Protein backbone atom coordinates (compact mmCIF):
# COMPACT_ATOMS: atom_id res chain seq x y z
CA MET A 1 -29.38 -8.14 17.98
CA THR A 2 -26.16 -7.86 19.98
CA PRO A 3 -23.87 -4.99 18.90
CA ILE A 4 -20.53 -5.90 17.41
CA GLN A 5 -17.79 -5.62 20.04
CA THR A 6 -15.12 -3.55 18.33
CA ALA A 7 -11.66 -2.69 19.66
CA ILE A 8 -8.63 -0.79 18.44
CA TYR A 9 -4.95 -1.32 19.22
CA ALA A 10 -2.19 1.25 18.76
CA ARG A 11 1.46 1.21 19.75
CA VAL A 12 4.57 3.38 19.59
CA SER A 13 7.85 2.05 20.85
CA SER A 14 10.06 5.03 21.57
CA ALA A 15 9.79 8.17 23.63
CA GLN A 16 10.59 10.13 20.45
CA GLN A 17 7.59 8.57 18.66
CA ALA A 18 5.39 9.23 21.68
CA GLU A 19 6.49 12.87 21.77
CA ALA A 20 5.78 13.21 18.04
CA HIS A 21 2.20 12.15 18.83
CA THR A 22 2.31 9.29 16.35
CA VAL A 23 0.10 7.24 18.66
CA ALA A 24 -2.48 10.03 18.61
CA SER A 25 -2.54 9.99 14.81
CA GLN A 26 -2.91 6.19 14.81
CA VAL A 27 -5.78 6.36 17.28
CA ALA A 28 -7.51 9.14 15.33
CA ALA A 29 -7.26 7.17 12.08
CA LEU A 30 -8.55 4.02 13.77
CA ARG A 31 -11.49 5.86 15.35
CA GLU A 32 -12.37 7.35 11.95
CA ARG A 33 -12.28 3.91 10.34
CA VAL A 34 -14.52 2.40 13.02
CA ALA A 35 -16.95 5.34 12.68
CA ALA A 36 -16.96 4.92 8.88
CA ASP A 37 -17.94 1.29 9.42
CA ASP A 38 -20.75 2.59 11.68
CA LEU A 39 -19.61 0.57 14.68
CA PRO A 40 -19.53 1.54 18.36
CA LEU A 41 -16.13 1.98 20.02
CA PRO A 42 -16.33 2.10 23.82
CA GLU A 43 -13.43 3.80 25.60
CA ALA A 44 -12.70 0.53 27.44
CA LEU A 45 -11.97 -1.19 24.12
CA GLN A 46 -9.25 1.23 23.03
CA PHE A 47 -5.94 -0.46 23.76
CA ILE A 48 -2.82 1.72 23.56
CA ASP A 49 0.77 0.82 24.39
CA GLU A 50 3.07 3.85 24.42
CA GLY A 51 6.79 3.24 24.78
CA TYR A 52 6.67 -0.55 24.36
CA SER A 53 8.72 -2.40 21.80
CA GLY A 54 6.99 -4.50 19.19
CA ALA A 55 9.79 -7.05 19.57
CA THR A 56 8.05 -8.53 22.62
CA LEU A 57 4.51 -9.75 23.21
CA VAL A 58 4.65 -8.63 26.84
CA ARG A 59 2.88 -5.26 26.74
CA PRO A 60 0.12 -4.19 29.16
CA ALA A 61 -2.56 -3.16 26.63
CA LEU A 62 -1.78 -6.07 24.30
CA GLU A 63 -2.10 -8.54 27.18
CA ARG A 64 -5.51 -7.08 28.16
CA LEU A 65 -6.59 -7.24 24.51
CA ARG A 66 -5.49 -10.87 24.18
CA ASP A 67 -7.36 -11.79 27.37
CA LEU A 68 -10.52 -10.12 26.07
CA ALA A 69 -10.26 -11.93 22.74
CA ALA A 70 -9.58 -15.27 24.43
CA ALA A 71 -12.75 -14.79 26.49
CA GLY A 72 -14.70 -14.43 23.24
CA ALA A 73 -15.69 -10.85 24.04
CA LEU A 74 -14.31 -9.29 20.85
CA ASP A 75 -15.76 -9.42 17.35
CA ARG A 76 -13.54 -7.04 15.42
CA LEU A 77 -10.10 -5.54 15.97
CA TYR A 78 -8.68 -2.54 14.10
CA VAL A 79 -4.94 -1.84 13.93
CA HIS A 80 -3.10 0.75 11.84
CA SER A 81 -0.78 -1.90 10.36
CA PRO A 82 0.39 -5.40 11.33
CA ASP A 83 3.70 -4.06 12.65
CA ARG A 84 1.79 -2.22 15.37
CA LEU A 85 0.85 -5.65 16.74
CA ALA A 86 4.43 -6.94 16.55
CA ARG A 87 7.68 -6.27 14.75
CA LYS A 88 8.42 -9.93 14.03
CA TYR A 89 6.32 -11.44 11.29
CA ALA A 90 6.02 -14.70 13.25
CA TYR A 91 4.48 -12.79 16.19
CA GLN A 92 2.09 -11.00 13.83
CA VAL A 93 0.89 -14.34 12.44
CA LEU A 94 0.59 -15.78 15.95
CA LEU A 95 -1.54 -12.86 17.15
CA VAL A 96 -3.79 -12.74 14.09
CA ASP A 97 -4.31 -16.50 14.35
CA GLU A 98 -5.04 -16.17 18.07
CA PHE A 99 -7.62 -13.44 17.47
CA GLN A 100 -9.27 -15.33 14.59
CA HIS A 101 -9.39 -18.57 16.57
CA ALA A 102 -11.19 -16.67 19.35
CA GLY A 103 -13.74 -15.39 16.82
CA SER A 104 -12.37 -11.91 16.14
CA ARG A 105 -11.90 -10.38 12.72
CA SER A 106 -8.90 -8.09 12.16
CA SER A 107 -8.98 -4.94 10.07
CA SER A 108 -6.12 -2.62 9.20
């Protein structure tokens, strides 16, 4: 049986948020959730964008995550909340649809 390929995505948009370690708290909560679901979480599948606005879809970690999902190499994605994927609801729907179409299941 092939293990489930699990990833996490976290984002903070401002230097102030980054300094307050809000991304660290997001990542810790996501890691705990993945562990509670008894799933592996390789370091390479932890996607973090610090200092990038959720108003755009052009973010380094998000682009790598989207490429991975498009290649069918992702089964489950954990995010703290939908607004970590994108600020605009339309972008959130687009990303969730993109991940689901590629065969990934989202959890928040």
